[in-house]
Protein backbone atom coordinates (compact mmCIF):
# COMPACT_ATOMS: atom_id res chain seq x y z
CA UNK A 1 -133.73 -162.68 40.74
CA UNK A 2 -130.09 -163.43 40.33
CA UNK A 3 -128.41 -160.76 42.48
CA UNK A 4 -125.08 -161.02 40.67
CA UNK A 5 -126.80 -159.29 37.75
CA UNK A 6 -128.37 -156.46 39.83
CA UNK A 7 -124.57 -155.80 41.47
CA UNK A 8 -123.62 -154.69 37.88
CA UNK A 9 -125.78 -151.91 37.61
CA UNK A 10 -124.13 -150.24 40.65
CA UNK A 11 -121.01 -147.72 39.90
CA UNK A 12 -120.18 -147.10 43.21
CA UNK A 13 -119.76 -149.06 46.02
CA UNK A 14 -118.20 -149.07 49.96
CA UNK A 15 -115.08 -150.44 50.93
CA UNK A 16 -114.96 -153.81 51.86
CA UNK A 17 -113.40 -153.03 55.27
CA UNK A 18 -114.72 -150.55 56.90
CA UNK A 19 -113.15 -149.15 60.32
CA UNK A 20 -115.60 -149.51 63.41
CA UNK A 21 -115.89 -146.55 66.02
CA UNK A 22 -114.41 -149.35 68.63
CA UNK A 23 -111.27 -149.85 66.74
CA UNK A 24 -110.71 -145.84 65.85
CA UNK A 25 -107.33 -144.63 67.18
CA UNK A 26 -107.27 -142.72 70.38
CA UNK A 27 -107.39 -139.05 70.23
CA UNK A 28 -103.60 -137.86 68.81
CA UNK A 29 -103.44 -134.23 68.67
CA UNK A 30 -105.41 -131.51 70.06
CA UNK A 31 -105.31 -127.55 68.93
CA UNK A 32 -106.10 -125.61 71.72
CA UNK A 33 -105.25 -122.13 73.47
CA UNK A 34 -104.52 -122.12 77.02
CA UNK A 35 -104.44 -118.72 77.50
CA UNK A 36 -107.83 -118.14 76.31
CA UNK A 37 -110.09 -120.97 77.61
CA UNK A 38 -111.80 -120.82 74.78
CA UNK A 39 -115.69 -122.71 74.13
CA UNK A 40 -117.87 -122.63 71.20
CA UNK A 41 -118.23 -123.09 67.90
CA UNK A 42 -114.87 -123.96 65.93
CA UNK A 43 -113.91 -124.82 62.00
CA UNK A 44 -110.70 -125.33 60.55
CA UNK A 45 -108.80 -124.89 57.63
CA UNK A 46 -105.46 -126.40 56.41
CA UNK A 47 -103.26 -123.45 54.58
CA UNK A 48 -99.86 -124.53 52.98
CA UNK A 49 -99.44 -127.16 55.96
CA UNK A 50 -100.27 -124.85 58.95
CA UNK A 51 -103.86 -125.90 60.74
CA UNK A 52 -106.15 -122.77 60.92
CA UNK A 53 -108.80 -123.31 63.77
CA UNK A 54 -111.42 -120.64 63.64
CA UNK A 55 -113.24 -119.87 66.53
CA UNK A 56 -116.52 -118.06 65.73
CA UNK A 57 -117.48 -116.31 69.30
CA UNK A 58 -114.39 -114.38 69.47
CA UNK A 59 -114.61 -113.73 66.12
CA UNK A 60 -110.65 -115.06 65.62
CA UNK A 61 -108.71 -117.24 63.98
CA UNK A 62 -105.36 -119.26 65.67
CA UNK A 63 -102.29 -120.90 63.31
CA UNK A 64 -100.62 -123.86 64.59
CA UNK A 65 -98.11 -125.56 63.06
CA UNK A 66 -97.34 -129.32 63.79
CA UNK A 67 -93.85 -129.20 62.48
CA UNK A 68 -92.51 -127.25 64.85
CA UNK A 69 -92.88 -129.10 67.63
CA UNK A 70 -93.41 -128.00 71.27
CA UNK A 71 -96.55 -130.02 72.14
CA UNK A 72 -97.27 -130.80 75.83
CA UNK A 73 -98.03 -134.71 75.92
CA UNK A 74 -101.41 -135.16 78.20
CA UNK A 75 -100.71 -137.37 80.99
CA UNK A 76 -104.08 -139.01 80.76
CA UNK A 77 -105.04 -139.56 76.97
CA UNK A 78 -101.51 -139.58 75.56
CA UNK A 79 -102.60 -136.88 73.13
CA UNK A 80 -100.41 -133.99 71.76
CA UNK A 81 -101.86 -130.62 73.21
CA UNK A 82 -100.66 -128.16 70.60
CA UNK A 83 -100.63 -124.04 71.54
CA UNK A 84 -101.09 -121.44 68.80
CA UNK A 85 -97.86 -119.93 67.09
CA UNK A 86 -99.27 -116.60 67.64
CA UNK A 87 -102.04 -115.18 69.33
CA UNK A 88 -105.10 -115.65 68.04
CA UNK A 89 -106.25 -112.96 65.40
CA UNK A 90 -109.33 -112.07 63.32
CA UNK A 91 -108.87 -112.44 59.47
CA UNK A 92 -108.39 -109.46 57.57
CA UNK A 93 -111.19 -107.35 56.69
CA UNK A 94 -113.06 -107.65 53.63
CA UNK A 95 -114.81 -105.20 51.30
CA UNK A 96 -116.94 -106.25 48.88
CA UNK A 97 -117.93 -104.53 45.80
CA UNK A 98 -121.62 -103.94 45.37
CA UNK A 99 -123.35 -104.74 41.86
CA UNK A 100 -124.41 -101.62 40.53
CA UNK A 101 -125.39 -99.89 37.08
CA UNK A 102 -123.37 -96.51 38.10
CA UNK A 103 -119.69 -97.07 38.48
CA UNK A 104 -119.45 -95.40 41.60
CA UNK A 105 -117.61 -98.46 43.30
CA UNK A 106 -119.75 -98.89 46.27
CA UNK A 107 -118.66 -101.76 48.39
CA UNK A 108 -119.53 -103.41 51.79
CA UNK A 109 -117.78 -104.90 54.58
CA UNK A 110 -118.50 -109.13 54.60
CA UNK A 111 -119.29 -110.41 58.23
CA UNK A 112 -116.15 -112.40 58.86
CA UNK A 113 -116.64 -115.58 60.90
CA UNK A 114 -120.24 -115.68 59.96
CA UNK A 115 -123.64 -118.24 61.12
CA UNK A 116 -123.58 -119.02 57.31
CA UNK A 117 -119.70 -119.22 56.83
CA UNK A 118 -118.85 -123.01 55.58
CA UNK A 119 -116.04 -124.14 55.51
CA UNK A 120 -114.35 -127.39 53.22
CA UNK A 121 -110.71 -128.37 52.93
CA UNK A 122 -108.71 -127.49 52.56
CA UNK A 123 -109.10 -123.50 52.66
CA UNK A 124 -111.97 -123.19 51.32
CA UNK A 125 -114.70 -120.53 53.25
CA UNK A 126 -117.97 -120.56 51.30
CA UNK A 127 -120.71 -117.47 52.15
CA UNK A 128 -123.97 -118.70 51.74
CA UNK A 129 -126.13 -115.90 52.32
CA UNK A 130 -123.53 -113.52 50.17
CA UNK A 131 -122.91 -116.04 47.29
CA UNK A 132 -119.00 -115.87 47.79
CA UNK A 133 -116.06 -118.58 48.08
CA UNK A 134 -112.54 -117.57 49.33
CA UNK A 135 -109.51 -119.13 49.81
CA UNK A 136 -107.69 -118.38 53.40
CA UNK A 137 -103.98 -117.35 52.74
CA UNK A 138 -101.18 -116.65 54.82
CA UNK A 139 -99.58 -113.46 54.87
CA UNK A 140 -96.17 -114.12 55.53
CA UNK A 141 -94.79 -110.34 56.06
CA UNK A 142 -97.18 -109.93 58.61
CA UNK A 143 -96.52 -113.32 60.31
CA UNK A 144 -92.59 -112.31 60.36
CA UNK A 145 -93.58 -109.31 62.56
CA UNK A 146 -95.98 -111.35 65.27
CA UNK A 147 -93.73 -114.34 65.75
CA UNK A 148 -91.00 -112.75 67.68
CA UNK A 149 -88.45 -115.59 68.34
CA UNK A 150 -86.29 -115.30 65.36
CA UNK A 151 -85.15 -119.31 65.35
CA UNK A 152 -88.93 -120.68 65.24
CA UNK A 153 -89.77 -117.77 62.58
CA UNK A 154 -86.86 -119.34 60.40
CA UNK A 155 -88.12 -122.58 60.99
CA UNK A 156 -91.60 -122.03 60.20
CA UNK A 157 -90.42 -120.26 56.56
CA UNK A 158 -88.38 -123.07 55.99
CA UNK A 159 -91.85 -125.11 55.98
CA UNK A 160 -93.72 -122.57 53.90
CA UNK A 161 -94.16 -122.88 49.89
CA UNK A 162 -93.56 -119.07 49.21
CA UNK A 163 -91.16 -118.77 52.20
CA UNK A 164 -88.16 -117.96 50.57
CA UNK A 165 -88.09 -114.19 49.64
CA UNK A 166 -89.78 -113.91 53.33
CA UNK A 167 -87.28 -116.08 55.14
CA UNK A 168 -84.06 -114.09 53.05
CA UNK A 169 -85.65 -110.39 54.40
CA UNK A 170 -85.43 -111.98 57.97
CA UNK A 171 -82.04 -112.42 57.72
CA UNK A 172 -81.30 -109.48 56.20
CA UNK A 173 -82.85 -107.70 59.05
CA UNK A 174 -81.21 -109.68 61.40
CA UNK A 175 -77.94 -108.97 60.14
CA UNK A 176 -78.35 -105.14 59.47
CA UNK A 177 -76.90 -102.39 61.52
CA UNK A 178 -80.11 -102.35 63.75
CA UNK A 179 -78.76 -105.45 65.67
CA UNK A 180 -75.99 -105.36 67.89
CA UNK A 181 -73.13 -108.47 68.44
CA UNK A 182 -76.04 -110.01 70.59
CA UNK A 183 -77.77 -111.31 67.89
CA UNK A 184 -74.53 -113.11 67.08
CA UNK A 185 -75.24 -116.69 69.16
CA UNK A 186 -78.77 -116.50 67.22
CA UNK A 187 -77.63 -115.80 64.08
CA UNK A 188 -74.69 -118.84 64.10
CA UNK A 189 -78.21 -121.17 65.36
CA UNK A 190 -79.94 -119.92 61.90
CA UNK A 191 -76.90 -121.08 59.78
CA UNK A 192 -76.63 -124.26 61.35
CA UNK A 193 -80.24 -125.07 60.69
CA UNK A 194 -79.80 -123.70 57.07
CA UNK A 195 -76.62 -125.61 56.08
CA UNK A 196 -77.95 -128.60 57.50
CA UNK A 197 -80.98 -128.45 55.23
CA UNK A 198 -78.46 -126.95 52.39
CA UNK A 199 -75.83 -129.79 53.11
CA UNK A 200 -78.76 -132.46 52.86
CA UNK A 201 -79.51 -131.55 49.45
CA UNK A 202 -76.25 -131.62 48.14
CA UNK A 203 -75.73 -134.70 49.92
CA UNK A 204 -78.81 -135.88 47.85
CA UNK A 205 -77.43 -134.88 44.61
CA UNK A 206 -74.00 -136.29 44.97
CA UNK A 207 -75.65 -139.69 45.66
CA UNK A 208 -77.99 -139.20 42.58
CA UNK A 209 -74.64 -138.63 40.55
CA UNK A 210 -73.27 -141.18 41.29
CA UNK A 211 -76.01 -143.60 40.52
CA UNK A 212 -76.13 -142.94 37.43
CA UNK A 213 -72.37 -142.58 36.79
CA UNK A 214 -72.91 -146.66 38.06
CA UNK A 215 -75.94 -146.73 35.65
CA UNK A 216 -77.74 -148.12 38.80
CA UNK A 217 -80.95 -146.13 36.78
CA UNK A 218 -83.83 -148.51 38.32
CA UNK A 219 -82.58 -147.93 41.96
CA UNK A 220 -81.65 -144.45 41.43
CA UNK A 221 -85.72 -143.89 39.64
CA UNK A 222 -86.85 -145.72 43.15
CA UNK A 223 -85.44 -143.91 45.24
CA UNK A 224 -87.22 -140.47 45.55
CA UNK A 225 -85.52 -137.58 46.39
CA UNK A 226 -87.62 -135.09 48.49
CA UNK A 227 -87.46 -131.43 47.80
CA UNK A 228 -87.60 -129.21 50.81
CA UNK A 229 -89.78 -125.87 50.16
CA UNK A 230 -87.28 -123.06 50.92
CA UNK A 231 -83.44 -124.49 50.28
CA UNK A 232 -81.18 -121.16 51.01
CA UNK A 233 -77.88 -121.86 49.98
CA UNK A 234 -74.59 -119.70 49.63
CA UNK A 235 -75.28 -118.26 46.49
CA UNK A 236 -78.46 -116.63 48.12
CA UNK A 237 -76.80 -115.43 51.38
CA UNK A 238 -74.34 -113.95 49.32
CA UNK A 239 -76.89 -111.86 46.37
CA UNK A 240 -79.71 -111.17 49.15
CA UNK A 241 -77.89 -111.04 52.39
CA UNK A 242 -74.26 -110.38 52.56
CA UNK A 243 -73.69 -108.23 49.51
CA UNK A 244 -76.52 -106.20 50.88
CA UNK A 245 -75.30 -105.36 54.71
CA UNK A 246 -71.82 -104.35 53.71
CA UNK A 247 -72.57 -101.30 56.29
CA UNK A 248 -73.22 -103.00 59.07
CA UNK A 249 -70.73 -102.90 61.42
CA UNK A 250 -70.83 -106.90 62.31
CA UNK A 251 -70.11 -108.22 58.85
CA UNK A 252 -66.94 -109.25 59.16
CA UNK A 253 -68.26 -111.50 62.48
CA UNK A 254 -71.28 -112.63 60.55
CA UNK A 255 -69.30 -113.77 57.41
CA UNK A 256 -66.69 -115.98 59.93
CA UNK A 257 -70.21 -117.70 61.57
CA UNK A 258 -71.09 -118.49 57.98
CA UNK A 259 -67.58 -119.85 57.02
CA UNK A 260 -67.64 -122.05 60.42
CA UNK A 261 -71.31 -123.04 59.70
CA UNK A 262 -70.05 -124.26 56.49
CA UNK A 263 -67.41 -126.28 57.31
CA UNK A 264 -69.17 -127.50 60.54
CA UNK A 265 -71.38 -129.11 57.79
CA UNK A 266 -68.30 -130.53 55.22
CA UNK A 267 -69.52 -127.50 52.49
CA UNK A 268 -66.74 -125.78 50.73
CA UNK A 269 -67.42 -122.01 50.57
CA UNK A 270 -68.54 -120.02 46.71
CA UNK A 271 -65.25 -117.93 45.60
CA UNK A 272 -68.39 -114.78 46.07
CA UNK A 273 -68.29 -115.63 50.19
CA UNK A 274 -64.67 -116.22 50.23
CA UNK A 275 -64.00 -113.20 48.12
CA UNK A 276 -66.39 -111.09 50.03
CA UNK A 277 -64.93 -112.40 53.06
CA UNK A 278 -61.25 -110.91 52.40
CA UNK A 279 -62.63 -107.86 51.46
CA UNK A 280 -63.83 -107.26 54.78
CA UNK A 281 -60.89 -108.60 56.53
CA UNK A 282 -58.38 -106.29 54.16
CA UNK A 283 -60.39 -103.34 55.23
CA UNK A 284 -61.10 -103.52 58.67
CA UNK A 285 -56.93 -104.52 58.71
CA UNK A 286 -57.44 -108.05 59.98
CA UNK A 287 -54.44 -109.44 58.12
CA UNK A 288 -53.32 -112.01 60.68
CA UNK A 289 -57.10 -113.54 60.36
CA UNK A 290 -56.87 -113.40 56.82
CA UNK A 291 -53.25 -115.54 56.99
CA UNK A 292 -54.77 -117.92 59.16
CA UNK A 293 -57.66 -118.61 56.94
CA UNK A 294 -55.74 -119.16 54.26
CA UNK A 295 -53.16 -121.35 55.98
CA UNK A 296 -55.80 -123.54 56.67
CA UNK A 297 -57.84 -123.63 53.53
CA UNK A 298 -60.41 -122.34 54.88
CA UNK A 299 -61.42 -120.23 51.97
CA UNK A 300 -62.29 -121.08 48.74
CA UNK A 301 -58.48 -121.25 47.33
CA UNK A 302 -58.50 -120.56 43.31
CA UNK A 303 -56.62 -118.89 40.90
CA UNK A 304 -59.09 -115.77 40.44
CA UNK A 305 -59.02 -115.60 44.47
CA UNK A 306 -55.00 -115.24 44.26
CA UNK A 307 -54.97 -112.87 41.67
CA UNK A 308 -58.02 -110.61 43.55
CA UNK A 309 -55.67 -110.89 46.07
CA UNK A 310 -53.07 -109.62 44.37
CA UNK A 311 -54.91 -106.77 43.31
CA UNK A 312 -55.45 -105.90 46.97
CA UNK A 313 -50.96 -106.00 47.88
CA UNK A 314 -51.17 -102.71 48.05
CA UNK A 315 -52.91 -102.71 51.65
CA UNK A 316 -50.51 -104.90 53.43
CA UNK A 317 -46.81 -106.43 52.70
CA UNK A 318 -47.85 -109.50 53.61
CA UNK A 319 -51.29 -109.79 51.07
CA UNK A 320 -49.12 -110.60 48.50
CA UNK A 321 -46.84 -113.72 50.01
CA UNK A 322 -50.42 -114.55 50.82
CA UNK A 323 -51.32 -114.59 47.19
CA UNK A 324 -48.03 -116.48 46.15
CA UNK A 325 -48.45 -119.22 48.63
CA UNK A 326 -52.37 -120.17 47.81
CA UNK A 327 -50.70 -120.39 43.74
CA UNK A 328 -48.15 -122.57 44.87
CA UNK A 329 -50.53 -125.07 46.83
CA UNK A 330 -52.53 -124.83 43.44
CA UNK A 331 -49.31 -125.21 41.71
CA UNK A 332 -50.32 -122.61 39.73
CA UNK A 333 -46.61 -121.51 38.55
CA UNK A 334 -47.24 -119.93 35.47
CA UNK A 335 -48.71 -117.17 37.16
CA UNK A 336 -46.33 -117.13 40.11
CA UNK A 337 -43.60 -116.35 37.72
CA UNK A 338 -46.00 -113.75 36.23
CA UNK A 339 -46.35 -112.69 39.68
CA UNK A 340 -42.55 -112.56 40.35
CA UNK A 341 -41.71 -110.61 36.64
CA UNK A 342 -43.83 -108.00 37.59
CA UNK A 343 -42.20 -107.40 41.12
CA UNK A 344 -38.98 -107.47 39.30
CA UNK A 345 -38.27 -110.38 41.59
CA UNK A 346 -36.41 -112.31 38.80
CA UNK A 347 -33.82 -114.10 40.17
CA UNK A 348 -36.58 -115.67 42.15
CA UNK A 349 -38.79 -116.68 38.90
CA UNK A 350 -35.78 -118.16 37.54
CA UNK A 351 -35.42 -120.16 40.89
CA UNK A 352 -38.87 -121.73 40.29
CA UNK A 353 -38.85 -121.75 36.24
CA UNK A 354 -35.80 -124.12 36.57
CA UNK A 355 -37.63 -126.32 38.58
CA UNK A 356 -40.63 -126.70 35.77
CA UNK A 357 -40.84 -129.17 33.07
CA UNK A 358 -39.55 -126.74 29.60
CA UNK A 359 -36.65 -125.48 32.04
CA UNK A 360 -34.37 -125.34 28.29
CA UNK A 361 -37.13 -123.21 26.38
CA UNK A 362 -37.97 -120.17 28.83
CA UNK A 363 -38.04 -117.00 26.55
CA UNK A 364 -34.49 -115.15 27.61
CA UNK A 365 -35.77 -111.49 25.83
CA UNK A 366 -38.59 -111.82 28.68
CA UNK A 367 -36.47 -112.63 31.67
CA UNK A 368 -33.58 -109.72 30.39
CA UNK A 369 -36.37 -107.00 30.30
CA UNK A 370 -37.72 -107.58 33.51
CA UNK A 371 -34.14 -107.61 35.10
CA UNK A 372 -33.46 -104.78 32.96
CA UNK A 373 -36.20 -102.37 34.30
CA UNK A 374 -35.06 -103.47 38.07
CA UNK A 375 -31.87 -101.06 37.00
CA UNK A 376 -29.88 -103.44 39.54
CA UNK A 377 -26.79 -104.04 37.53
CA UNK A 378 -26.05 -107.62 39.94
CA UNK A 379 -29.93 -108.81 39.08
CA UNK A 380 -29.25 -108.19 35.14
CA UNK A 381 -26.09 -109.89 35.60
CA UNK A 382 -26.99 -112.76 37.11
CA UNK A 383 -29.94 -113.69 34.80
CA UNK A 384 -27.91 -112.84 31.73
CA UNK A 385 -25.13 -115.40 32.81
CA UNK A 386 -27.93 -118.16 33.67
CA UNK A 387 -28.98 -117.73 29.97
CA UNK A 388 -25.68 -118.11 28.60
CA UNK A 389 -24.61 -120.79 30.38
CA UNK A 390 -28.36 -122.15 29.01
CA UNK A 391 -26.98 -121.45 25.72
CA UNK A 392 -24.17 -123.78 26.50
CA UNK A 393 -25.43 -126.33 27.47
CA UNK A 394 -28.33 -126.88 24.99
CA UNK A 395 -26.63 -125.51 21.72
CA UNK A 396 -22.37 -125.33 22.40
CA UNK A 397 -22.51 -121.53 21.90
CA UNK A 398 -23.31 -119.07 24.54
CA UNK A 399 -24.78 -116.42 21.68
CA UNK A 400 -28.44 -115.72 21.37
CA UNK A 401 -30.00 -116.35 18.41
CA UNK A 402 -31.62 -113.82 16.08
CA UNK A 403 -35.43 -114.71 16.64
CA UNK A 404 -34.64 -114.33 20.08
CA UNK A 405 -34.95 -110.72 19.67
CA UNK A 406 -31.93 -110.37 22.84
CA UNK A 407 -29.56 -107.75 20.46
CA UNK A 408 -30.27 -104.89 23.40
CA UNK A 409 -29.51 -106.53 26.44
CA UNK A 410 -26.42 -108.18 24.78
CA UNK A 411 -25.43 -104.54 24.39
CA UNK A 412 -26.51 -103.29 27.77
CA UNK A 413 -24.52 -106.21 29.32
CA UNK A 414 -21.20 -105.22 27.28
CA UNK A 415 -21.41 -101.81 28.51
CA UNK A 416 -21.51 -102.90 32.23
CA UNK A 417 -18.61 -104.78 31.43
CA UNK A 418 -16.59 -102.09 30.26
CA UNK A 419 -17.70 -99.62 32.47
CA UNK A 420 -16.52 -102.13 35.28
CA UNK A 421 -19.90 -102.05 36.92
CA UNK A 422 -19.67 -105.45 37.91
């Protein structure tokens, strides 16, 4: 009988190139707890990329995170010997509701690590006797308490699927009033880890946008962008951390550490972060620090931030000038003119206005009104003469046109002349 025709009846087959036992790779990873020297029956689950090793004899489980590293290499085998990230602990007790025709809600505690347990990957536990199937889950909130090394905890949470909210709570706790300045070096290291990941995401987004702009759709589709499981950006830090610890004594130092970390990774600070730094420095009267940050453009310079600075000008005389300097760097001359007029610095406003396009169409009434409000005869005279000279240059006559509505200021000027105030 033709064997080819027989093979057509099979719908499963073995792979053509089996791995022979003499070619199997050597042992590469060992999960072991040196402290307990455990032996006996073990079983394993994988929960959110965490290796969970269950030990039946002690009814405990150990957690291993290969991504954290830190394992020792065995000199003989070359295998990496991993240590658990926390001491071995039991799974949380589970109470099973007992079926009953009465609604008394009786429960019975399940026998954990039972001999009837059968484990399947990645995180399935079946109790054949009880007829129950469970999924093994991580309790991140408990782990945040058990992992005392804050930097290692941050690294751990960055790799977890639902680690963002837990990580933000950890960050808020680290920076609250419960911690003294001794935490600042640790906080700085944490910021650098967060912003290193943040920068890589920004760079990937920029490269993707550039590829699309260059119409390199084929190239862009071939390059797979790996999205991190947990990303903490400036908006997250501001909303969930910084804005919640405004009473912390170390807030100013923490904000400056975060700002320095952003600069170190080439990330421009956001408006919200810049504004919060300004508020904290002004509240603590650290005007020299604020001036240096603005001088070297360490904050996110913008018109809204400059206007916010102006709103704080009563706190210190130098703040107003800081805001004007920022507006000048932004070429926001129109806002500068409005600020100067509001402050009664009309002559200075005219000096800037003369250098701007459209200087011959400046609204005379607006400047004369501002000069009048100063109650300074010399200032009013200077402004009035400026517009008279402009009228002569443009129209050949010093008089103001009717639609300019400057009649009351012409009368005021004549009064000043007649009373010899000038």
